[in-house]
Amino acid sequence: MLEVKNITVAYGSDTVVKDVSFAVKPGEVIGIVGESGSGKSTVLKSILGLLDSRGKVLGGEILLNGENLLGFTSGRMRQIRGKEIAMVFQHPELSLDPVWPVGRSFYESIRVHREITKKEAAVQGRKLLEALELGEPDKILSSYPFELSGGMCQRAAIAIAMANRPGILLADEPTSALDVTVQKQVIETMMQMRKEFSASILIVSHNIGVIAKMADFVGVMRRGQMVEWGTKEEVLYSPEHDYTKALIRAVPKMGGELPAAAEEVGHG
């Protein structure tokens, strides 16, 4: 479905991603983990053509169903974003307009790609929130972002990202601004989305616990390079690279136990 082949990305004269490759198959959850500045978020932005004016993909290919996105015009990429690939950002305020109720954001997200009335969008939004098991859908749709908790805003942003049923959801540190209890709720919403819509997910995070809860395959990035790749079990339980081992050792423990969000990592 999505294949990143040997991409290299630079900001100005600084190369920040070096020869990175991986693939996302239908229905899979791929997790990329690494410390801040490792290049993982840059990979996501490269896929959707969201690098800022200084950023440039110097080499490689980004294939969506066999087509190289790097050769698409800006107009064609606008058609892709939200319809075939959607993105959830670290801070939901980047996804939700602060002066619109959530229902208006649903409507605007859908009408970019097809004709729909506000009433039809509200019905679809309600059904989607119910499918993702978010309580009181009508209240959520009529609320402004500032009237919702951070966790509920993020879950609403995930639902809006799925409004056009994209095949792939990109998630850029979607839980890092939330406390552990709310992180669990956001993770459950994304996994419910995978179950309901058979969507693939590519999530990047510095939190190994989140990756452990969600991913089928895991890539570890350091200084712009993919230093380890494998199934979740291979990478988290039998890591080969010293950097991966150090990341796992750094998972915080409270009272001798891992936090709930990191439970699956065990004591490896």
C-alpha atoms as a PDB file:
ATOM      1  CA  MET A   1       0.000   0.000   0.000  1.00  0.00           C
ATOM      2  CA  LEU A   2       2.722   2.465   1.010  1.00  0.00           C
ATOM      3  CA  GLU A   3       6.421   1.947   0.357  1.00  0.00           C
ATOM      4  CA  VAL A   4       9.178   4.330   1.362  1.00  0.00           C
ATOM      5  CA  LYS A   5      12.308   3.458  -0.585  1.00  0.00           C
ATOM      6  CA  ASN A   6      15.713   4.877   0.318  1.00  0.00           C
ATOM      7  CA  ILE A   7      14.556   8.416   0.989  1.00  0.00           C
ATOM      8  CA  THR A   8      17.037  11.092   1.986  1.00  0.00           C
ATOM      9  CA  VAL A   9      15.775  14.448   3.273  1.00  0.00           C
ATOM     10  CA  ALA A  10      17.634  17.670   4.000  1.00  0.00           C
ATOM     11  CA  TYR A  11      16.836  21.012   5.580  1.00  0.00           C
ATOM     12  CA  GLY A  12      19.118  23.438   3.858  1.00  0.00           C
ATOM     13  CA  SER A  13      22.582  21.928   4.009  1.00  0.00           C
ATOM     14  CA  ASP A  14      21.729  19.535   6.869  1.00  0.00           C
ATOM     15  CA  THR A  15      20.766  15.983   5.929  1.00  0.00           C
ATOM     16  CA  VAL A  16      18.255  14.837   8.548  1.00  0.00           C
ATOM     17  CA  VAL A  17      16.984  11.559   7.039  1.00  0.00           C
ATOM     18  CA  LYS A  18      19.435   9.197   5.350  1.00  0.00           C
ATOM     19  CA  ASP A  19      18.463   6.322   3.063  1.00  0.00           C
ATOM     20  CA  VAL A  20      15.367   5.193   5.026  1.00  0.00           C
ATOM     21  CA  SER A  21      13.171   2.371   3.709  1.00  0.00           C
ATOM     22  CA  PHE A  22      10.082   0.527   4.979  1.00  0.00           C
ATOM     23  CA  ALA A  23       6.667  -0.630   3.774  1.00  0.00           C
ATOM     24  CA  VAL A  24       3.116  -0.492   5.124  1.00  0.00           C
ATOM     25  CA  LYS A  25       0.765  -3.274   4.049  1.00  0.00           C
ATOM     26  CA  PRO A  26      -3.046  -3.129   4.218  1.00  0.00           C
ATOM     27  CA  GLY A  27      -4.337  -3.358   7.787  1.00  0.00           C
ATOM     28  CA  GLU A  28      -0.876  -3.189   9.387  1.00  0.00           C
ATOM     29  CA  VAL A  29       0.246  -0.891  12.176  1.00  0.00           C
ATOM     30  CA  ILE A  30       3.836   0.252  11.711  1.00  0.00           C
ATOM     31  CA  GLY A  31       5.573   2.047  14.562  1.00  0.00           C
ATOM     32  CA  ILE A  32       8.702   4.151  14.219  1.00  0.00           C
ATOM     33  CA  VAL A  33      10.388   5.024  17.482  1.00  0.00           C
ATOM     34  CA  GLY A  34      13.321   7.266  18.289  1.00  0.00           C
ATOM     35  CA  GLU A  35      14.359  10.237  20.369  1.00  0.00           C
ATOM     36  CA  SER A  36      13.479  13.814  19.436  1.00  0.00           C
ATOM     37  CA  GLY A  37      15.438  14.926  16.386  1.00  0.00           C
ATOM     38  CA  SER A  38      15.901  11.399  15.023  1.00  0.00           C
ATOM     39  CA  GLY A  39      14.043  12.270  11.802  1.00  0.00           C
ATOM     40  CA  LYS A  40      10.885  10.223  12.342  1.00  0.00           C
ATOM     41  CA  SER A  41       8.430  13.136  12.025  1.00  0.00           C
ATOM     42  CA  THR A  42      10.297  14.381   8.960  1.00  0.00           C
ATOM     43  CA  VAL A  43       9.576  11.036   7.302  1.00  0.00           C
ATOM     44  CA  LEU A  44       5.824  11.529   7.856  1.00  0.00           C
ATOM     45  CA  LYS A  45       5.900  15.079   6.526  1.00  0.00           C
ATOM     46  CA  SER A  46       7.825  13.884   3.463  1.00  0.00           C
ATOM     47  CA  ILE A  47       5.121  11.334   2.688  1.00  0.00           C
ATOM     48  CA  LEU A  48       2.383  13.973   2.615  1.00  0.00           C
ATOM     49  CA  GLY A  49       4.514  16.727   1.075  1.00  0.00           C
ATOM     50  CA  LEU A  50       4.312  18.859   4.215  1.00  0.00           C
ATOM     51  CA  LEU A  51       7.986  19.782   4.592  1.00  0.00           C
ATOM     52  CA  ASP A  52       8.520  23.483   5.117  1.00  0.00           C
ATOM     53  CA  SER A  53      10.214  25.687   2.537  1.00  0.00           C
ATOM     54  CA  ARG A  54      13.703  24.628   3.698  1.00  0.00           C
ATOM     55  CA  GLY A  55      12.976  20.899   3.502  1.00  0.00           C
ATOM     56  CA  LYS A  56      13.641  18.833   0.397  1.00  0.00           C
ATOM     57  CA  VAL A  57      13.622  15.139  -0.447  1.00  0.00           C
ATOM     58  CA  LEU A  58      17.009  14.632  -2.111  1.00  0.00           C
ATOM     59  CA  GLY A  59      16.534  11.043  -3.211  1.00  0.00           C
ATOM     60  CA  GLY A  60      14.442   7.901  -3.084  1.00  0.00           C
ATOM     61  CA  GLU A  61      10.795   7.134  -3.748  1.00  0.00           C
ATOM     62  CA  ILE A  62       7.540   7.266  -1.793  1.00  0.00           C
ATOM     63  CA  LEU A  63       5.107   4.880  -3.470  1.00  0.00           C
ATOM     64  CA  LEU A  64       1.367   4.859  -2.774  1.00  0.00           C
ATOM     65  CA  ASN A  65      -0.233   1.877  -4.481  1.00  0.00           C
ATOM     66  CA  GLY A  66       2.712   1.858  -6.861  1.00  0.00           C
ATOM     67  CA  GLU A  67       2.672   5.585  -7.737  1.00  0.00           C
ATOM     68  CA  ASN A  68       5.542   7.844  -6.687  1.00  0.00           C
ATOM     69  CA  LEU A  69       4.108  10.689  -4.590  1.00  0.00           C
ATOM     70  CA  LEU A  70       7.285  12.714  -5.084  1.00  0.00           C
ATOM     71  CA  GLY A  71       6.296  13.257  -8.717  1.00  0.00           C
ATOM     72  CA  PHE A  72       2.803  14.547  -7.911  1.00  0.00           C
ATOM     73  CA  THR A  73       1.798  18.190  -8.372  1.00  0.00           C
ATOM     74  CA  SER A  74       0.622  20.191  -5.364  1.00  0.00           C
ATOM     75  CA  GLY A  75      -2.941  19.940  -6.689  1.00  0.00           C
ATOM     76  CA  ARG A  76      -2.761  16.164  -6.911  1.00  0.00           C
ATOM     77  CA  MET A  77      -1.327  15.984  -3.390  1.00  0.00           C
ATOM     78  CA  ARG A  78      -4.280  18.011  -2.092  1.00  0.00           C
ATOM     79  CA  GLN A  79      -6.532  15.319  -3.536  1.00  0.00           C
ATOM     80  CA  ILE A  80      -4.506  12.615  -1.776  1.00  0.00           C
ATOM     81  CA  ARG A  81      -4.414  14.267   1.651  1.00  0.00           C
ATOM     82  CA  GLY A  82      -7.410  13.357   3.742  1.00  0.00           C
ATOM     83  CA  LYS A  83      -8.870  11.021   1.135  1.00  0.00           C
ATOM     84  CA  GLU A  84      -6.209   8.355   0.635  1.00  0.00           C
ATOM     85  CA  ILE A  85      -3.805   9.278   3.442  1.00  0.00           C
ATOM     86  CA  ALA A  86      -4.777  11.288   6.525  1.00  0.00           C
ATOM     87  CA  MET A  87      -2.693  12.632   9.370  1.00  0.00           C
ATOM     88  CA  VAL A  88      -3.166  13.174  13.085  1.00  0.00           C
ATOM     89  CA  PHE A  89      -0.806  15.680  14.656  1.00  0.00           C
ATOM     90  CA  GLN A  90       0.752  15.822  18.105  1.00  0.00           C
ATOM     91  CA  HIS A  91      -1.451  18.727  19.142  1.00  0.00           C
ATOM     92  CA  PRO A  92      -5.136  18.466  18.178  1.00  0.00           C
ATOM     93  CA  GLU A  93      -5.323  22.247  17.851  1.00  0.00           C
ATOM     94  CA  LEU A  94      -3.394  21.785  14.598  1.00  0.00           C
ATOM     95  CA  SER A  95      -6.264  19.652  13.296  1.00  0.00           C
ATOM     96  CA  LEU A  96      -9.295  21.420  14.797  1.00  0.00           C
ATOM     97  CA  ASP A  97     -10.199  25.011  13.970  1.00  0.00           C
ATOM     98  CA  PRO A  98     -10.641  26.839  17.307  1.00  0.00           C
ATOM     99  CA  VAL A  99     -13.535  28.968  15.987  1.00  0.00           C
ATOM    100  CA  TRP A 100     -15.524  26.041  14.570  1.00  0.00           C
ATOM    101  CA  PRO A 101     -17.505  23.393  16.423  1.00  0.00           C
ATOM    102  CA  VAL A 102     -16.240  19.871  15.784  1.00  0.00           C
ATOM    103  CA  GLY A 103     -19.191  19.149  13.477  1.00  0.00           C
ATOM    104  CA  ARG A 104     -18.157  22.005  11.172  1.00  0.00           C
ATOM    105  CA  SER A 105     -14.658  20.508  10.956  1.00  0.00           C
ATOM    106  CA  PHE A 106     -16.222  17.187   9.898  1.00  0.00           C
ATOM    107  CA  TYR A 107     -18.184  18.954   7.198  1.00  0.00           C
ATOM    108  CA  GLU A 108     -15.213  20.925   5.864  1.00  0.00           C
ATOM    109  CA  SER A 109     -13.008  17.813   5.807  1.00  0.00           C
ATOM    110  CA  ILE A 110     -15.540  15.892   3.741  1.00  0.00           C
ATOM    111  CA  ARG A 111     -16.614  18.622   1.317  1.00  0.00           C
ATOM    112  CA  VAL A 112     -13.041  19.157   0.154  1.00  0.00           C
ATOM    113  CA  HIS A 113     -13.298  15.782  -1.577  1.00  0.00           C
ATOM    114  CA  ARG A 114     -17.004  15.387  -2.412  1.00  0.00           C
ATOM    115  CA  GLU A 115     -20.301  17.232  -2.355  1.00  0.00           C
ATOM    116  CA  ILE A 116     -22.199  16.878   0.900  1.00  0.00           C
ATOM    117  CA  THR A 117     -24.701  18.903   2.909  1.00  0.00           C
ATOM    118  CA  LYS A 118     -24.065  19.948   6.485  1.00  0.00           C
ATOM    119  CA  LYS A 119     -26.941  17.717   7.601  1.00  0.00           C
ATOM    120  CA  GLU A 120     -25.452  14.699   5.802  1.00  0.00           C
ATOM    121  CA  ALA A 121     -22.029  15.443   7.291  1.00  0.00           C
ATOM    122  CA  ALA A 122     -23.540  15.595  10.787  1.00  0.00           C
ATOM    123  CA  VAL A 123     -25.169  12.180  10.292  1.00  0.00           C
ATOM    124  CA  GLN A 124     -21.898  10.691   9.050  1.00  0.00           C
ATOM    125  CA  GLY A 125     -19.952  12.319  11.881  1.00  0.00           C
ATOM    126  CA  ARG A 126     -22.344  10.904  14.471  1.00  0.00           C
ATOM    127  CA  LYS A 127     -22.076   7.399  12.996  1.00  0.00           C
ATOM    128  CA  LEU A 128     -18.286   7.630  12.908  1.00  0.00           C
ATOM    129  CA  LEU A 129     -18.029   8.764  16.528  1.00  0.00           C
ATOM    130  CA  GLU A 130     -20.334   5.929  17.543  1.00  0.00           C
ATOM    131  CA  ALA A 131     -18.257   3.400  15.569  1.00  0.00           C
ATOM    132  CA  LEU A 132     -15.158   4.619  17.414  1.00  0.00           C
ATOM    133  CA  GLU A 133     -17.060   4.234  20.688  1.00  0.00           C
ATOM    134  CA  LEU A 134     -16.948   7.907  21.656  1.00  0.00           C
ATOM    135  CA  GLY A 135     -19.844   8.696  23.979  1.00  0.00           C
ATOM    136  CA  GLU A 136     -22.291  11.581  23.455  1.00  0.00           C
ATOM    137  CA  PRO A 137     -21.537  12.132  19.746  1.00  0.00           C
ATOM    138  CA  ASP A 138     -24.059  14.970  19.383  1.00  0.00           C
ATOM    139  CA  LYS A 139     -22.448  16.853  22.261  1.00  0.00           C
ATOM    140  CA  ILE A 140     -18.982  16.387  20.734  1.00  0.00           C
ATOM    141  CA  LEU A 141     -20.131  17.584  17.308  1.00  0.00           C
ATOM    142  CA  SER A 142     -21.695  20.734  18.758  1.00  0.00           C
ATOM    143  CA  SER A 143     -18.717  21.542  21.008  1.00  0.00           C
ATOM    144  CA  TYR A 144     -15.831  23.884  20.236  1.00  0.00           C
ATOM    145  CA  PRO A 145     -12.326  22.486  20.793  1.00  0.00           C
ATOM    146  CA  PHE A 146     -11.789  24.608  23.913  1.00  0.00           C
ATOM    147  CA  GLU A 147     -14.882  23.015  25.464  1.00  0.00           C
ATOM    148  CA  LEU A 148     -13.384  19.502  25.193  1.00  0.00           C
ATOM    149  CA  SER A 149     -10.514  17.914  27.087  1.00  0.00           C
ATOM    150  CA  GLY A 150      -7.194  17.441  25.309  1.00  0.00           C
ATOM    151  CA  GLY A 151      -7.803  13.714  25.044  1.00  0.00           C
ATOM    152  CA  MET A 152     -11.300  14.137  23.606  1.00  0.00           C
ATOM    153  CA  CYS A 153      -9.983  16.728  21.129  1.00  0.00           C
ATOM    154  CA  GLN A 154      -7.364  14.249  19.943  1.00  0.00           C
ATOM    155  CA  ARG A 155      -9.922  11.452  19.612  1.00  0.00           C
ATOM    156  CA  ALA A 156     -12.236  13.786  17.687  1.00  0.00           C
ATOM    157  CA  ALA A 157      -9.297  14.707  15.432  1.00  0.00           C
ATOM    158  CA  ILE A 158      -8.736  10.993  14.734  1.00  0.00           C
ATOM    159  CA  ALA A 159     -12.408  10.607  13.827  1.00  0.00           C
ATOM    160  CA  ILE A 160     -12.240  13.625  11.499  1.00  0.00           C
ATOM    161  CA  ALA A 161      -9.123  12.181   9.867  1.00  0.00           C
ATOM    162  CA  MET A 162     -11.216   9.081   9.055  1.00  0.00           C
ATOM    163  CA  ALA A 163     -14.143  11.090   7.645  1.00  0.00           C
ATOM    164  CA  ASN A 164     -13.230  10.175   4.057  1.00  0.00           C
ATOM    165  CA  ARG A 165     -12.220   6.591   4.918  1.00  0.00           C
ATOM    166  CA  PRO A 166      -8.521   6.890   3.940  1.00  0.00           C
ATOM    167  CA  GLY A 167      -6.608   3.646   3.676  1.00  0.00           C
ATOM    168  CA  ILE A 168      -3.684   4.933   5.757  1.00  0.00           C
ATOM    169  CA  LEU A 169      -3.535   7.094   8.865  1.00  0.00           C
ATOM    170  CA  LEU A 170      -0.264   8.815   9.738  1.00  0.00           C
ATOM    171  CA  ALA A 171       0.043   9.672  13.426  1.00  0.00           C
ATOM    172  CA  ASP A 172       2.776  12.067  14.568  1.00  0.00           C
ATOM    173  CA  GLU A 173       3.310  11.701  18.334  1.00  0.00           C
ATOM    174  CA  PRO A 174      -0.477  11.610  18.879  1.00  0.00           C
ATOM    175  CA  THR A 175      -0.244  10.891  22.622  1.00  0.00           C
ATOM    176  CA  SER A 176       2.794  12.835  23.773  1.00  0.00           C
ATOM    177  CA  ALA A 177       0.837  15.851  25.030  1.00  0.00           C
ATOM    178  CA  LEU A 178      -1.503  13.672  27.116  1.00  0.00           C
ATOM    179  CA  ASP A 179      -1.280  11.991  30.504  1.00  0.00           C
ATOM    180  CA  VAL A 180      -0.968   8.200  30.681  1.00  0.00           C
ATOM    181  CA  THR A 181      -4.663   7.486  31.303  1.00  0.00           C
ATOM    182  CA  VAL A 182      -5.742   9.592  28.332  1.00  0.00           C
ATOM    183  CA  GLN A 183      -2.969   8.102  26.185  1.00  0.00           C
ATOM    184  CA  LYS A 184      -4.644   4.731  26.679  1.00  0.00           C
ATOM    185  CA  GLN A 185      -7.975   6.120  25.464  1.00  0.00           C
ATOM    186  CA  VAL A 186      -6.397   7.616  22.343  1.00  0.00           C
ATOM    187  CA  ILE A 187      -4.598   4.339  21.590  1.00  0.00           C
ATOM    188  CA  GLU A 188      -7.871   2.449  21.967  1.00  0.00           C
ATOM    189  CA  THR A 189      -9.588   4.872  19.564  1.00  0.00           C
ATOM    190  CA  MET A 190      -6.926   4.324  16.904  1.00  0.00           C
ATOM    191  CA  MET A 191      -7.052   0.555  17.305  1.00  0.00           C
ATOM    192  CA  GLN A 192     -10.851   0.641  17.111  1.00  0.00           C
ATOM    193  CA  MET A 193     -10.471   2.628  13.891  1.00  0.00           C
ATOM    194  CA  ARG A 194      -8.224  -0.088  12.515  1.00  0.00           C
ATOM    195  CA  LYS A 195     -10.793  -2.734  13.445  1.00  0.00           C
ATOM    196  CA  GLU A 196     -13.796  -0.877  12.045  1.00  0.00           C
ATOM    197  CA  PHE A 197     -12.282   0.377   8.790  1.00  0.00           C
ATOM    198  CA  SER A 198      -9.353  -2.010   8.136  1.00  0.00           C
ATOM    199  CA  ALA A 199      -7.100   1.036   7.941  1.00  0.00           C
ATOM    200  CA  SER A 200      -3.330   0.901   8.087  1.00  0.00           C
ATOM    201  CA  ILE A 201      -1.549   3.089  10.639  1.00  0.00           C
ATOM    202  CA  LEU A 202       1.948   4.540  10.537  1.00  0.00           C
ATOM    203  CA  ILE A 203       2.710   6.020  13.949  1.00  0.00           C
ATOM    204  CA  VAL A 204       5.891   7.726  15.085  1.00  0.00           C
ATOM    205  CA  SER A 205       6.649   8.241  18.764  1.00  0.00           C
ATOM    206  CA  HIS A 206       9.473   8.546  21.252  1.00  0.00           C
ATOM    207  CA  ASN A 207       7.314   6.457  23.616  1.00  0.00           C
ATOM    208  CA  ILE A 208       8.188   2.768  23.261  1.00  0.00           C
ATOM    209  CA  GLY A 209       5.192   1.851  25.419  1.00  0.00           C
ATOM    210  CA  VAL A 210       2.773   3.348  22.892  1.00  0.00           C
ATOM    211  CA  ILE A 211       4.529   1.570  20.028  1.00  0.00           C
ATOM    212  CA  ALA A 212       4.423  -1.701  21.996  1.00  0.00           C
ATOM    213  CA  LYS A 213       0.663  -1.405  22.455  1.00  0.00           C
ATOM    214  CA  MET A 214      -0.081  -0.716  18.805  1.00  0.00           C
ATOM    215  CA  ALA A 215       2.510  -1.863  16.296  1.00  0.00           C
ATOM    216  CA  ASP A 216       2.873  -5.058  14.297  1.00  0.00           C
ATOM    217  CA  PHE A 217       6.282  -3.997  12.967  1.00  0.00           C
ATOM    218  CA  VAL A 218       8.715  -1.548  14.537  1.00  0.00           C
ATOM    219  CA  GLY A 219      11.474   0.607  13.089  1.00  0.00           C
ATOM    220  CA  VAL A 220      14.025   2.353  15.292  1.00  0.00           C
ATOM    221  CA  MET A 221      15.515   5.618  14.034  1.00  0.00           C
ATOM    222  CA  ARG A 222      18.657   7.343  15.247  1.00  0.00           C
ATOM    223  CA  ARG A 223      20.294  10.419  13.726  1.00  0.00           C
ATOM    224  CA  GLY A 224      18.223  10.121  10.577  1.00  0.00           C
ATOM    225  CA  GLN A 225      18.873   6.442   9.940  1.00  0.00           C
ATOM    226  CA  MET A 226      16.794   3.316  10.470  1.00  0.00           C
ATOM    227  CA  VAL A 227      19.077   1.309  12.738  1.00  0.00           C
ATOM    228  CA  GLU A 228      16.716  -1.593  13.440  1.00  0.00           C
ATOM    229  CA  TRP A 229      13.574  -3.070  11.868  1.00  0.00           C
ATOM    230  CA  GLY A 230      11.480  -6.135  12.614  1.00  0.00           C
ATOM    231  CA  THR A 231       8.331  -7.462  14.198  1.00  0.00           C
ATOM    232  CA  LYS A 232       7.351  -5.964  17.521  1.00  0.00           C
ATOM    233  CA  GLU A 233       8.475  -9.108  19.291  1.00  0.00           C
ATOM    234  CA  GLU A 234      11.857  -9.140  17.546  1.00  0.00           C
ATOM    235  CA  VAL A 235      12.658  -5.488  18.201  1.00  0.00           C
ATOM    236  CA  LEU A 236      11.270  -5.094  21.724  1.00  0.00           C
ATOM    237  CA  TYR A 237      12.080  -8.487  23.194  1.00  0.00           C
ATOM    238  CA  SER A 238      15.270  -9.386  21.291  1.00  0.00           C
ATOM    239  CA  PRO A 239      16.818  -6.104  20.142  1.00  0.00           C
ATOM    240  CA  GLU A 240      20.111  -6.282  18.302  1.00  0.00           C
ATOM    241  CA  HIS A 241      21.214  -2.653  18.096  1.00  0.00           C
ATOM    242  CA  ASP A 242      22.728  -1.020  21.187  1.00  0.00           C
ATOM    243  CA  TYR A 243      20.595   2.075  20.674  1.00  0.00           C
ATOM    244  CA  THR A 244      17.381   0.010  20.739  1.00  0.00           C
ATOM    245  CA  LYS A 245      18.556  -1.687  23.937  1.00  0.00           C
ATOM    246  CA  ALA A 246      19.242   1.713  25.492  1.00  0.00           C
ATOM    247  CA  LEU A 247      15.764   2.976  24.537  1.00  0.00           C
ATOM    248  CA  ILE A 248      14.116  -0.014  26.176  1.00  0.00           C
ATOM    249  CA  ARG A 249      16.226   0.348  29.327  1.00  0.00           C
ATOM    250  CA  ALA A 250      15.143   3.989  29.488  1.00  0.00           C
ATOM    251  CA  VAL A 251      11.427   3.150  29.748  1.00  0.00           C
ATOM    252  CA  PRO A 252      10.483   4.682  33.132  1.00  0.00           C
ATOM    253  CA  LYS A 253       9.385   2.379  35.923  1.00  0.00           C
ATOM    254  CA  MET A 254       7.191   3.340  38.861  1.00  0.00           C
ATOM    255  CA  GLY A 255       7.421   1.191  41.965  1.00  0.00           C
ATOM    256  CA  GLY A 256       9.296  -1.433  40.007  1.00  0.00           C
ATOM    257  CA  GLU A 257       6.556  -1.690  37.363  1.00  0.00           C
ATOM    258  CA  LEU A 258       6.249  -0.209  33.908  1.00  0.00           C
ATOM    259  CA  PRO A 259       3.515   2.369  33.293  1.00  0.00           C
ATOM    260  CA  ALA A 260       0.264   0.936  31.941  1.00  0.00           C
ATOM    261  CA  ALA A 261       0.927   2.275  28.440  1.00  0.00           C
ATOM    262  CA  ALA A 262       4.258   0.409  28.343  1.00  0.00           C
ATOM    263  CA  GLU A 263       3.047  -2.820  29.880  1.00  0.00           C
ATOM    264  CA  GLU A 264       3.644  -4.976  26.809  1.00  0.00           C
ATOM    265  CA  VAL A 265       7.331  -4.135  26.740  1.00  0.00           C
ATOM    266  CA  GLY A 266       7.722  -6.281  29.835  1.00  0.00           C
ATOM    267  CA  HIS A 267      11.032  -6.086  31.640  1.00  0.00           C
ATOM    268  CA  GLY A 268      13.130  -6.615  28.497  1.00  0.00           C
END
